[in-house]
């Protein structure tokens, strides 16, 4: 399913929005952040970002390739320009379900706190709404305080836990956001 103009409109507004109290909170995103659907030509960059971001539970090249060609998965890329990757998100849509699953959200360490994750989250939510989903769910490592803060700031609420969910035995917290 191609990303239509509503995603672009939401992403551009996200990229330009500033916090009402700029002295206490950084801008939501840098002015040059753009979110788009990943293309097959992005495969090397996607795998490199995955390897730089995660110590375990990494997606492989073949998994990315499969997701790029899937009707039930969407890979998004945040970039400063078409080739300068800042982050990525992978979201799944199960046939017959109105719940989207945010499977992965990753950003380069030097871009954290600059709105890349927020721009990707808003784009994921926009696509979920386009597909008539009523909610987005995700799992996050219970020791990843930065990601937990990001999700909670954006209206996700804790709904459960999976014990020993990750390869290294770390537990996962489940989060959900109901979409208006």
N, C-alpha and C. Protein backbone atom coordinates (compact mmCIF):
# COMPACT_ATOMS: atom_id res chain seq x y z
N UNK A 1 0.85 -1.19 0.00
CA UNK A 1 0.00 0.00 0.00
C UNK A 1 0.89 1.24 0.00
N UNK A 2 0.77 2.10 -0.99
CA UNK A 2 1.60 3.30 -1.01
C UNK A 2 1.18 4.28 0.08
N UNK A 3 2.14 4.99 0.59
CA UNK A 3 1.84 6.03 1.56
C UNK A 3 1.27 7.21 0.80
N UNK A 4 0.12 7.67 1.24
CA UNK A 4 -0.54 8.76 0.54
C UNK A 4 -0.21 10.09 1.19
N UNK A 5 -0.71 11.15 0.62
CA UNK A 5 -0.37 12.49 1.08
C UNK A 5 -0.69 12.77 2.54
N UNK A 6 -1.75 12.17 3.17
CA UNK A 6 -1.95 12.47 4.58
C UNK A 6 -0.73 12.16 5.44
N UNK A 7 0.01 11.09 5.13
CA UNK A 7 1.24 10.80 5.88
C UNK A 7 2.24 11.92 5.69
N UNK A 8 2.44 12.37 4.46
CA UNK A 8 3.39 13.44 4.21
C UNK A 8 3.00 14.70 4.95
N UNK A 9 1.70 15.03 4.95
CA UNK A 9 1.24 16.23 5.64
C UNK A 9 1.52 16.14 7.14
N UNK A 10 1.21 15.01 7.76
CA UNK A 10 1.44 14.83 9.18
C UNK A 10 2.93 14.89 9.49
N UNK A 11 3.72 14.24 8.67
CA UNK A 11 5.16 14.21 8.90
C UNK A 11 5.76 15.60 8.80
N UNK A 12 5.36 16.35 7.82
CA UNK A 12 5.91 17.69 7.68
C UNK A 12 5.50 18.59 8.84
N UNK A 13 4.27 18.48 9.31
CA UNK A 13 3.86 19.25 10.48
C UNK A 13 4.68 18.84 11.69
N UNK A 14 4.90 17.55 11.86
CA UNK A 14 5.71 17.07 12.98
C UNK A 14 7.11 17.65 12.91
N UNK A 15 7.68 17.65 11.74
CA UNK A 15 9.05 18.10 11.58
C UNK A 15 9.21 19.59 11.88
N UNK A 16 8.14 20.34 11.77
CA UNK A 16 8.25 21.78 11.96
C UNK A 16 7.69 22.26 13.29
N UNK A 17 7.00 21.40 14.04
CA UNK A 17 6.37 21.81 15.28
C UNK A 17 7.42 22.03 16.36
N UNK A 18 7.23 23.02 17.18
CA UNK A 18 8.12 23.31 18.30
C UNK A 18 7.36 23.14 19.61
N UNK A 19 8.07 22.77 20.63
CA UNK A 19 7.47 22.65 21.95
C UNK A 19 7.02 24.02 22.43
N UNK A 20 5.86 24.11 23.12
CA UNK A 20 5.41 25.41 23.63
C UNK A 20 6.38 26.01 24.63
N UNK A 21 7.14 25.20 25.34
CA UNK A 21 8.10 25.71 26.31
C UNK A 21 9.48 25.26 25.87
N UNK A 22 10.03 25.96 24.89
CA UNK A 22 11.28 25.55 24.25
C UNK A 22 12.45 25.50 25.24
N UNK A 23 12.38 26.26 26.31
CA UNK A 23 13.49 26.24 27.25
C UNK A 23 13.54 24.94 28.05
N UNK A 24 12.38 24.28 28.24
CA UNK A 24 12.34 23.05 29.00
C UNK A 24 12.40 21.80 28.13
N UNK A 25 11.93 21.90 26.90
CA UNK A 25 11.86 20.74 26.02
C UNK A 25 12.47 21.07 24.67
N UNK A 26 13.23 20.15 24.10
CA UNK A 26 13.77 20.40 22.77
C UNK A 26 12.66 20.41 21.74
N UNK A 27 12.97 20.89 20.57
CA UNK A 27 12.01 20.86 19.47
C UNK A 27 11.57 19.44 19.24
N UNK A 28 10.33 19.28 18.77
CA UNK A 28 9.82 17.94 18.50
C UNK A 28 10.67 17.25 17.46
N UNK A 29 11.12 17.96 16.46
CA UNK A 29 11.99 17.36 15.45
C UNK A 29 12.78 18.46 14.78
N UNK A 30 13.91 18.10 14.22
CA UNK A 30 14.65 19.08 13.47
C UNK A 30 13.89 19.40 12.20
N UNK A 31 14.07 20.60 11.68
CA UNK A 31 13.29 21.05 10.54
C UNK A 31 13.51 20.20 9.30
N UNK A 32 14.62 19.49 9.22
CA UNK A 32 14.92 18.74 8.00
C UNK A 32 14.49 17.27 8.05
N UNK A 33 13.87 16.81 9.13
CA UNK A 33 13.45 15.41 9.22
C UNK A 33 12.27 15.15 8.30
N UNK A 34 12.39 14.10 7.49
CA UNK A 34 11.30 13.65 6.62
C UNK A 34 11.11 12.16 6.83
N UNK A 35 9.88 11.71 6.80
CA UNK A 35 9.58 10.29 6.93
C UNK A 35 8.95 9.83 5.62
N UNK A 36 9.46 8.71 5.12
CA UNK A 36 8.95 8.16 3.86
C UNK A 36 8.95 6.64 3.96
N UNK A 37 8.27 6.02 3.03
CA UNK A 37 8.30 4.56 2.94
C UNK A 37 9.68 4.13 2.44
N UNK A 38 10.25 3.11 3.07
CA UNK A 38 11.54 2.59 2.64
C UNK A 38 11.40 1.90 1.29
N UNK A 39 12.49 1.93 0.55
CA UNK A 39 12.53 1.31 -0.77
C UNK A 39 13.58 0.20 -0.75
N UNK A 40 13.53 -0.67 -1.74
CA UNK A 40 14.51 -1.75 -1.83
C UNK A 40 15.93 -1.20 -1.86
N UNK A 41 16.13 -0.06 -2.47
CA UNK A 41 17.47 0.54 -2.54
C UNK A 41 17.98 0.99 -1.17
N UNK A 42 17.12 1.02 -0.16
CA UNK A 42 17.50 1.39 1.20
C UNK A 42 18.02 0.21 2.02
N UNK A 43 17.99 -0.98 1.46
CA UNK A 43 18.28 -2.19 2.23
C UNK A 43 19.61 -2.14 2.96
N UNK A 44 20.69 -1.74 2.30
CA UNK A 44 22.00 -1.68 2.96
C UNK A 44 21.98 -0.73 4.15
N UNK A 45 21.36 0.43 3.98
CA UNK A 45 21.28 1.41 5.07
C UNK A 45 20.42 0.92 6.22
N UNK A 46 19.33 0.22 5.92
CA UNK A 46 18.47 -0.32 6.96
C UNK A 46 19.22 -1.34 7.82
N UNK A 47 19.94 -2.24 7.15
CA UNK A 47 20.70 -3.27 7.88
C UNK A 47 21.82 -2.63 8.69
N UNK A 48 22.50 -1.64 8.14
CA UNK A 48 23.57 -0.97 8.87
C UNK A 48 23.02 -0.27 10.11
N UNK A 49 21.90 0.43 9.99
CA UNK A 49 21.29 1.10 11.15
C UNK A 49 20.86 0.07 12.19
N UNK A 50 20.29 -1.03 11.75
CA UNK A 50 19.89 -2.10 12.67
C UNK A 50 21.09 -2.62 13.46
N UNK A 51 22.18 -2.86 12.77
CA UNK A 51 23.40 -3.38 13.42
C UNK A 51 24.01 -2.36 14.37
N UNK A 52 23.93 -1.08 14.03
CA UNK A 52 24.49 -0.02 14.89
C UNK A 52 23.62 0.23 16.11
N UNK A 53 22.33 -0.07 16.02
CA UNK A 53 21.39 0.29 17.07
C UNK A 53 21.17 -0.80 18.10
N UNK A 54 21.10 -2.06 17.66
CA UNK A 54 20.72 -3.14 18.56
C UNK A 54 21.87 -4.12 18.77
N UNK A 55 22.03 -4.56 20.03
CA UNK A 55 23.04 -5.56 20.36
C UNK A 55 22.54 -6.98 20.08
N UNK A 56 21.23 -7.18 20.16
CA UNK A 56 20.62 -8.49 19.91
C UNK A 56 19.24 -8.27 19.32
N UNK A 57 18.55 -9.36 19.02
CA UNK A 57 17.20 -9.29 18.46
C UNK A 57 17.16 -8.43 17.20
N UNK A 58 18.18 -8.53 16.39
CA UNK A 58 18.27 -7.74 15.16
C UNK A 58 17.48 -8.39 14.02
N UNK A 59 16.94 -7.54 13.16
CA UNK A 59 16.33 -8.04 11.94
C UNK A 59 17.44 -8.27 10.91
N UNK A 60 17.32 -9.34 10.17
CA UNK A 60 18.32 -9.69 9.17
C UNK A 60 18.00 -9.00 7.84
N UNK A 61 18.94 -9.05 6.95
CA UNK A 61 18.75 -8.53 5.60
C UNK A 61 17.54 -9.19 4.94
N UNK A 62 17.43 -10.51 5.07
CA UNK A 62 16.31 -11.22 4.43
C UNK A 62 14.97 -10.83 5.06
N UNK A 63 14.95 -10.59 6.37
CA UNK A 63 13.71 -10.12 7.01
C UNK A 63 13.32 -8.75 6.48
N UNK A 64 14.28 -7.82 6.41
CA UNK A 64 13.98 -6.50 5.85
C UNK A 64 13.47 -6.63 4.41
N UNK A 65 14.13 -7.45 3.62
CA UNK A 65 13.72 -7.62 2.23
C UNK A 65 12.27 -8.11 2.16
N UNK A 66 11.93 -9.08 3.00
CA UNK A 66 10.57 -9.61 3.04
C UNK A 66 9.58 -8.53 3.47
N UNK A 67 9.94 -7.73 4.48
CA UNK A 67 9.03 -6.67 4.96
C UNK A 67 8.84 -5.58 3.91
N UNK A 68 9.88 -5.27 3.16
CA UNK A 68 9.78 -4.25 2.12
C UNK A 68 8.80 -4.65 1.02
N UNK A 69 8.66 -5.95 0.80
CA UNK A 69 7.78 -6.46 -0.26
C UNK A 69 6.42 -6.93 0.26
N UNK A 70 6.14 -6.74 1.52
CA UNK A 70 4.94 -7.29 2.15
C UNK A 70 3.78 -6.31 2.16
N UNK A 71 2.57 -6.84 2.00
CA UNK A 71 1.37 -6.02 2.17
C UNK A 71 1.00 -5.85 3.64
N UNK A 72 1.53 -6.74 4.49
CA UNK A 72 1.17 -6.68 5.90
C UNK A 72 2.24 -6.01 6.77
N UNK A 73 3.29 -5.50 6.15
CA UNK A 73 4.34 -4.79 6.88
C UNK A 73 4.65 -3.49 6.16
N UNK A 74 5.10 -2.53 6.91
CA UNK A 74 5.51 -1.25 6.34
C UNK A 74 6.79 -0.83 7.03
N UNK A 75 7.79 -0.50 6.24
CA UNK A 75 9.07 -0.01 6.76
C UNK A 75 9.14 1.48 6.42
N UNK A 76 9.32 2.30 7.44
CA UNK A 76 9.45 3.75 7.27
C UNK A 76 10.87 4.18 7.59
N UNK A 77 11.30 5.24 6.94
CA UNK A 77 12.64 5.78 7.15
C UNK A 77 12.52 7.27 7.45
N UNK A 78 13.20 7.71 8.50
CA UNK A 78 13.35 9.14 8.78
C UNK A 78 14.72 9.54 8.27
N UNK A 79 14.76 10.63 7.53
CA UNK A 79 16.05 11.06 6.98
C UNK A 79 16.12 12.57 6.93
N UNK A 80 17.35 13.07 6.87
CA UNK A 80 17.59 14.49 6.72
C UNK A 80 17.55 14.86 5.24
N UNK A 81 17.90 13.92 4.41
CA UNK A 81 17.71 14.00 2.97
C UNK A 81 17.50 12.57 2.52
N UNK A 82 17.34 12.33 1.27
CA UNK A 82 16.96 10.99 0.82
C UNK A 82 17.94 9.92 1.26
N UNK A 83 19.20 10.21 1.43
CA UNK A 83 20.19 9.19 1.75
C UNK A 83 20.75 9.28 3.17
N UNK A 84 20.47 10.30 3.92
CA UNK A 84 21.02 10.46 5.26
C UNK A 84 20.05 9.92 6.31
N UNK A 85 20.15 8.63 6.61
CA UNK A 85 19.22 7.97 7.52
C UNK A 85 19.41 8.47 8.95
N UNK A 86 18.29 8.77 9.59
CA UNK A 86 18.30 9.16 10.99
C UNK A 86 17.62 8.10 11.85
N UNK A 87 16.65 7.39 11.28
CA UNK A 87 15.93 6.38 12.03
C UNK A 87 15.00 5.60 11.14
N UNK A 88 14.41 4.56 11.72
CA UNK A 88 13.49 3.71 10.96
C UNK A 88 12.44 3.12 11.89
N UNK A 89 11.30 2.77 11.32
CA UNK A 89 10.23 2.09 12.05
C UNK A 89 9.69 0.98 11.18
N UNK A 90 9.33 -0.12 11.82
CA UNK A 90 8.69 -1.24 11.12
C UNK A 90 7.37 -1.49 11.84
N UNK A 91 6.29 -1.49 11.07
CA UNK A 91 4.96 -1.71 11.63
C UNK A 91 4.28 -2.84 10.87
N UNK A 92 3.57 -3.68 11.63
CA UNK A 92 2.86 -4.82 11.05
C UNK A 92 1.35 -4.60 11.13
N UNK A 93 0.67 -5.10 10.11
CA UNK A 93 -0.78 -5.05 10.03
C UNK A 93 -1.26 -6.48 9.75
N UNK A 94 -1.97 -7.08 10.69
CA UNK A 94 -2.46 -8.45 10.51
C UNK A 94 -3.84 -8.42 9.86
N UNK A 95 -4.02 -9.27 8.87
CA UNK A 95 -5.29 -9.34 8.16
C UNK A 95 -6.42 -9.64 9.14
N UNK A 96 -7.49 -8.88 9.05
CA UNK A 96 -8.64 -9.07 9.92
C UNK A 96 -8.52 -8.39 11.27
N UNK A 97 -7.38 -7.77 11.55
CA UNK A 97 -7.18 -7.08 12.83
C UNK A 97 -7.18 -5.57 12.60
N UNK A 98 -7.72 -4.85 13.55
CA UNK A 98 -7.70 -3.39 13.48
C UNK A 98 -6.69 -2.82 14.47
N UNK A 99 -5.70 -3.63 14.83
CA UNK A 99 -4.61 -3.19 15.72
C UNK A 99 -3.30 -3.29 14.94
N UNK A 100 -2.59 -2.17 14.85
CA UNK A 100 -1.27 -2.16 14.23
C UNK A 100 -0.24 -2.50 15.30
N UNK A 101 0.83 -3.15 14.89
CA UNK A 101 1.89 -3.50 15.84
C UNK A 101 3.19 -2.83 15.41
N UNK A 102 3.66 -1.92 16.24
CA UNK A 102 4.96 -1.30 16.01
C UNK A 102 6.01 -2.31 16.44
N UNK A 103 6.69 -2.90 15.46
CA UNK A 103 7.63 -3.98 15.73
C UNK A 103 9.01 -3.45 16.09
N UNK A 104 9.40 -2.36 15.46
CA UNK A 104 10.74 -1.83 15.71
C UNK A 104 10.75 -0.32 15.48
N UNK A 105 11.48 0.37 16.33
CA UNK A 105 11.73 1.80 16.18
C UNK A 105 13.19 2.01 16.55
N UNK A 106 13.95 2.57 15.63
CA UNK A 106 15.38 2.76 15.86
C UNK A 106 15.80 4.12 15.34
N UNK A 107 16.71 4.76 16.07
CA UNK A 107 17.30 6.01 15.59
C UNK A 107 18.78 6.00 15.93
N UNK A 108 19.53 6.73 15.14
CA UNK A 108 20.97 6.84 15.39
C UNK A 108 21.18 7.52 16.75
N UNK A 109 22.18 7.09 17.49
CA UNK A 109 22.42 7.68 18.82
C UNK A 109 22.54 9.20 18.80
N UNK A 110 23.20 9.75 17.80
CA UNK A 110 23.38 11.21 17.75
C UNK A 110 22.10 11.98 17.45
N UNK A 111 21.03 11.29 17.05
CA UNK A 111 19.77 11.98 16.76
C UNK A 111 18.75 11.84 17.88
N UNK A 112 19.07 11.07 18.90
CA UNK A 112 18.10 10.85 19.98
C UNK A 112 17.83 12.15 20.73
N UNK A 113 16.57 12.35 21.06
CA UNK A 113 16.15 13.57 21.74
C UNK A 113 15.92 14.73 20.79
N UNK A 114 15.98 14.49 19.49
CA UNK A 114 15.81 15.56 18.51
C UNK A 114 14.54 15.38 17.68
N UNK A 115 13.66 14.47 18.10
CA UNK A 115 12.37 14.35 17.46
C UNK A 115 12.26 13.31 16.37
N UNK A 116 13.31 12.57 16.12
CA UNK A 116 13.24 11.55 15.08
C UNK A 116 12.24 10.47 15.47
N UNK A 117 12.32 9.98 16.71
CA UNK A 117 11.38 8.97 17.18
C UNK A 117 9.95 9.48 17.16
N UNK A 118 9.75 10.74 17.56
CA UNK A 118 8.41 11.33 17.55
C UNK A 118 7.86 11.40 16.13
N UNK A 119 8.69 11.80 15.18
CA UNK A 119 8.24 11.88 13.78
C UNK A 119 7.86 10.50 13.26
N UNK A 120 8.66 9.50 13.59
CA UNK A 120 8.35 8.13 13.16
C UNK A 120 7.07 7.63 13.81
N UNK A 121 6.89 7.88 15.11
CA UNK A 121 5.66 7.46 15.80
C UNK A 121 4.43 8.08 15.16
N UNK A 122 4.49 9.38 14.88
CA UNK A 122 3.34 10.04 14.27
C UNK A 122 3.05 9.49 12.88
N UNK A 123 4.08 9.16 12.13
CA UNK A 123 3.88 8.58 10.80
C UNK A 123 3.26 7.18 10.92
N UNK A 124 3.73 6.38 11.87
CA UNK A 124 3.15 5.05 12.10
C UNK A 124 1.67 5.19 12.43
N UNK A 125 1.34 6.11 13.33
CA UNK A 125 -0.05 6.31 13.72
C UNK A 125 -0.90 6.79 12.55
N UNK A 126 -0.35 7.64 11.71
CA UNK A 126 -1.09 8.12 10.53
C UNK A 126 -1.41 6.97 9.58
N UNK A 127 -0.44 6.12 9.33
CA UNK A 127 -0.67 4.97 8.45
C UNK A 127 -1.68 4.02 9.08
N UNK A 128 -1.58 3.80 10.40
CA UNK A 128 -2.53 2.93 11.08
C UNK A 128 -3.96 3.48 10.94
N UNK A 129 -4.10 4.79 11.07
CA UNK A 129 -5.43 5.39 10.88
C UNK A 129 -5.93 5.19 9.44
N UNK A 130 -5.02 5.37 8.47
CA UNK A 130 -5.39 5.16 7.07
C UNK A 130 -5.89 3.75 6.84
N UNK A 131 -5.32 2.81 7.56
CA UNK A 131 -5.73 1.40 7.42
C UNK A 131 -6.87 1.06 8.37
N UNK A 132 -7.46 2.06 8.97
CA UNK A 132 -8.63 1.94 9.83
C UNK A 132 -8.36 1.14 11.12
N UNK A 133 -7.14 1.24 11.61
CA UNK A 133 -6.81 0.62 12.89
C UNK A 133 -7.30 1.52 14.03
N UNK A 134 -7.71 0.91 15.12
CA UNK A 134 -8.15 1.70 16.27
C UNK A 134 -7.05 1.85 17.32
N UNK A 135 -5.94 1.08 17.16
CA UNK A 135 -4.88 1.13 18.17
C UNK A 135 -3.55 0.73 17.55
N UNK A 136 -2.47 1.17 18.22
CA UNK A 136 -1.11 0.72 17.92
C UNK A 136 -0.59 0.10 19.20
N UNK A 137 -0.02 -1.10 19.07
CA UNK A 137 0.59 -1.78 20.22
C UNK A 137 2.07 -2.02 19.94
N UNK A 138 2.83 -2.19 21.02
CA UNK A 138 4.26 -2.43 20.88
C UNK A 138 4.79 -3.10 22.13
N UNK A 139 5.99 -3.66 21.98
CA UNK A 139 6.75 -4.18 23.11
C UNK A 139 8.04 -3.38 23.21
N UNK A 140 8.49 -3.15 24.43
CA UNK A 140 9.73 -2.41 24.66
C UNK A 140 10.47 -3.07 25.83
N UNK A 141 11.80 -3.10 25.73
CA UNK A 141 12.59 -3.66 26.83
C UNK A 141 12.28 -2.90 28.12
N UNK A 142 12.10 -3.63 29.20
CA UNK A 142 11.77 -2.95 30.46
C UNK A 142 12.94 -2.15 31.02
N UNK A 143 14.14 -2.34 30.45
CA UNK A 143 15.29 -1.55 30.90
C UNK A 143 15.62 -0.40 29.94
N UNK A 144 14.77 -0.13 28.98
CA UNK A 144 14.99 0.95 28.02
C UNK A 144 14.18 2.18 28.43
N UNK A 145 14.67 2.89 29.44
CA UNK A 145 13.94 4.03 30.01
C UNK A 145 13.72 5.13 28.98
N UNK A 146 14.65 5.34 28.07
CA UNK A 146 14.51 6.39 27.06
C UNK A 146 13.33 6.10 26.15
N UNK A 147 13.22 4.86 25.68
CA UNK A 147 12.11 4.50 24.80
C UNK A 147 10.78 4.55 25.56
N UNK A 148 10.78 4.07 26.80
CA UNK A 148 9.55 4.10 27.60
C UNK A 148 9.06 5.55 27.75
N UNK A 149 9.98 6.47 28.05
CA UNK A 149 9.59 7.89 28.17
C UNK A 149 9.01 8.42 26.86
N UNK A 150 9.63 8.07 25.74
CA UNK A 150 9.13 8.51 24.43
C UNK A 150 7.70 8.03 24.23
N UNK A 151 7.46 6.74 24.44
CA UNK A 151 6.12 6.20 24.21
C UNK A 151 5.10 6.81 25.16
N UNK A 152 5.45 6.95 26.43
CA UNK A 152 4.50 7.53 27.39
C UNK A 152 4.21 8.99 27.08
N UNK A 153 5.23 9.75 26.66
CA UNK A 153 5.00 11.15 26.27
C UNK A 153 4.04 11.26 25.10
N UNK A 154 3.98 10.24 24.28
CA UNK A 154 3.12 10.26 23.09
C UNK A 154 1.82 9.51 23.29
N UNK A 155 1.44 9.28 24.54
CA UNK A 155 0.12 8.76 24.83
C UNK A 155 -0.02 7.25 24.88
N UNK A 156 1.09 6.53 24.86
CA UNK A 156 1.02 5.07 24.97
C UNK A 156 0.91 4.72 26.45
N UNK A 157 0.09 3.71 26.74
CA UNK A 157 -0.08 3.30 28.15
C UNK A 157 0.35 1.85 28.32
N UNK A 158 0.90 1.57 29.47
CA UNK A 158 1.39 0.23 29.81
C UNK A 158 0.19 -0.69 29.97
N UNK A 159 0.19 -1.84 29.25
CA UNK A 159 -0.95 -2.76 29.32
C UNK A 159 -0.55 -4.18 29.72
N UNK A 160 0.74 -4.44 29.89
CA UNK A 160 1.13 -5.79 30.26
C UNK A 160 2.63 -6.00 30.18
N UNK A 161 3.03 -7.26 30.34
CA UNK A 161 4.45 -7.61 30.34
C UNK A 161 4.61 -9.02 29.78
N UNK A 162 5.73 -9.24 29.09
CA UNK A 162 6.15 -10.58 28.66
C UNK A 162 7.47 -10.88 29.38
N UNK A 163 7.48 -11.98 30.13
CA UNK A 163 8.70 -12.38 30.84
C UNK A 163 9.70 -12.97 29.86
N UNK A 164 10.96 -12.62 30.02
CA UNK A 164 12.07 -13.19 29.24
C UNK A 164 11.81 -13.11 27.73
N UNK A 165 11.34 -11.99 27.28
CA UNK A 165 10.90 -11.81 25.89
C UNK A 165 12.07 -11.73 24.90
N UNK A 166 13.14 -11.07 25.30
CA UNK A 166 14.26 -10.83 24.40
C UNK A 166 15.31 -11.93 24.50
N UNK A 167 16.17 -12.03 23.50
CA UNK A 167 17.18 -13.08 23.43
C UNK A 167 18.04 -13.16 24.69
N UNK A 168 18.33 -12.01 25.28
CA UNK A 168 19.19 -12.00 26.48
C UNK A 168 18.40 -12.21 27.77
N UNK A 169 17.11 -12.52 27.68
CA UNK A 169 16.28 -12.79 28.85
C UNK A 169 15.59 -11.59 29.45
N UNK A 170 15.82 -10.41 28.89
CA UNK A 170 15.17 -9.20 29.41
C UNK A 170 13.67 -9.27 29.16
N UNK A 171 12.92 -8.75 30.13
CA UNK A 171 11.46 -8.71 30.01
C UNK A 171 11.04 -7.58 29.08
N UNK A 172 9.84 -7.72 28.52
CA UNK A 172 9.27 -6.67 27.67
C UNK A 172 8.01 -6.13 28.33
N UNK A 173 7.84 -4.83 28.23
CA UNK A 173 6.58 -4.20 28.63
C UNK A 173 5.77 -4.01 27.37
N UNK A 174 4.47 -4.22 27.48
CA UNK A 174 3.56 -4.00 26.37
C UNK A 174 2.90 -2.64 26.55
N UNK A 175 2.80 -1.92 25.45
CA UNK A 175 2.18 -0.60 25.45
C UNK A 175 1.14 -0.54 24.35
N UNK A 176 0.16 0.35 24.54
CA UNK A 176 -0.89 0.55 23.55
C UNK A 176 -1.30 2.01 23.51
N UNK A 177 -1.62 2.47 22.31
CA UNK A 177 -2.20 3.79 22.15
C UNK A 177 -3.47 3.64 21.33
N UNK A 178 -4.58 4.14 21.87
CA UNK A 178 -5.83 4.16 21.13
C UNK A 178 -5.81 5.35 20.20
N UNK A 179 -6.20 5.14 18.96
CA UNK A 179 -6.18 6.20 17.96
C UNK A 179 -7.55 6.85 17.86
N UNK A 180 -7.55 8.16 17.76
CA UNK A 180 -8.83 8.88 17.67
C UNK A 180 -9.39 8.76 16.27
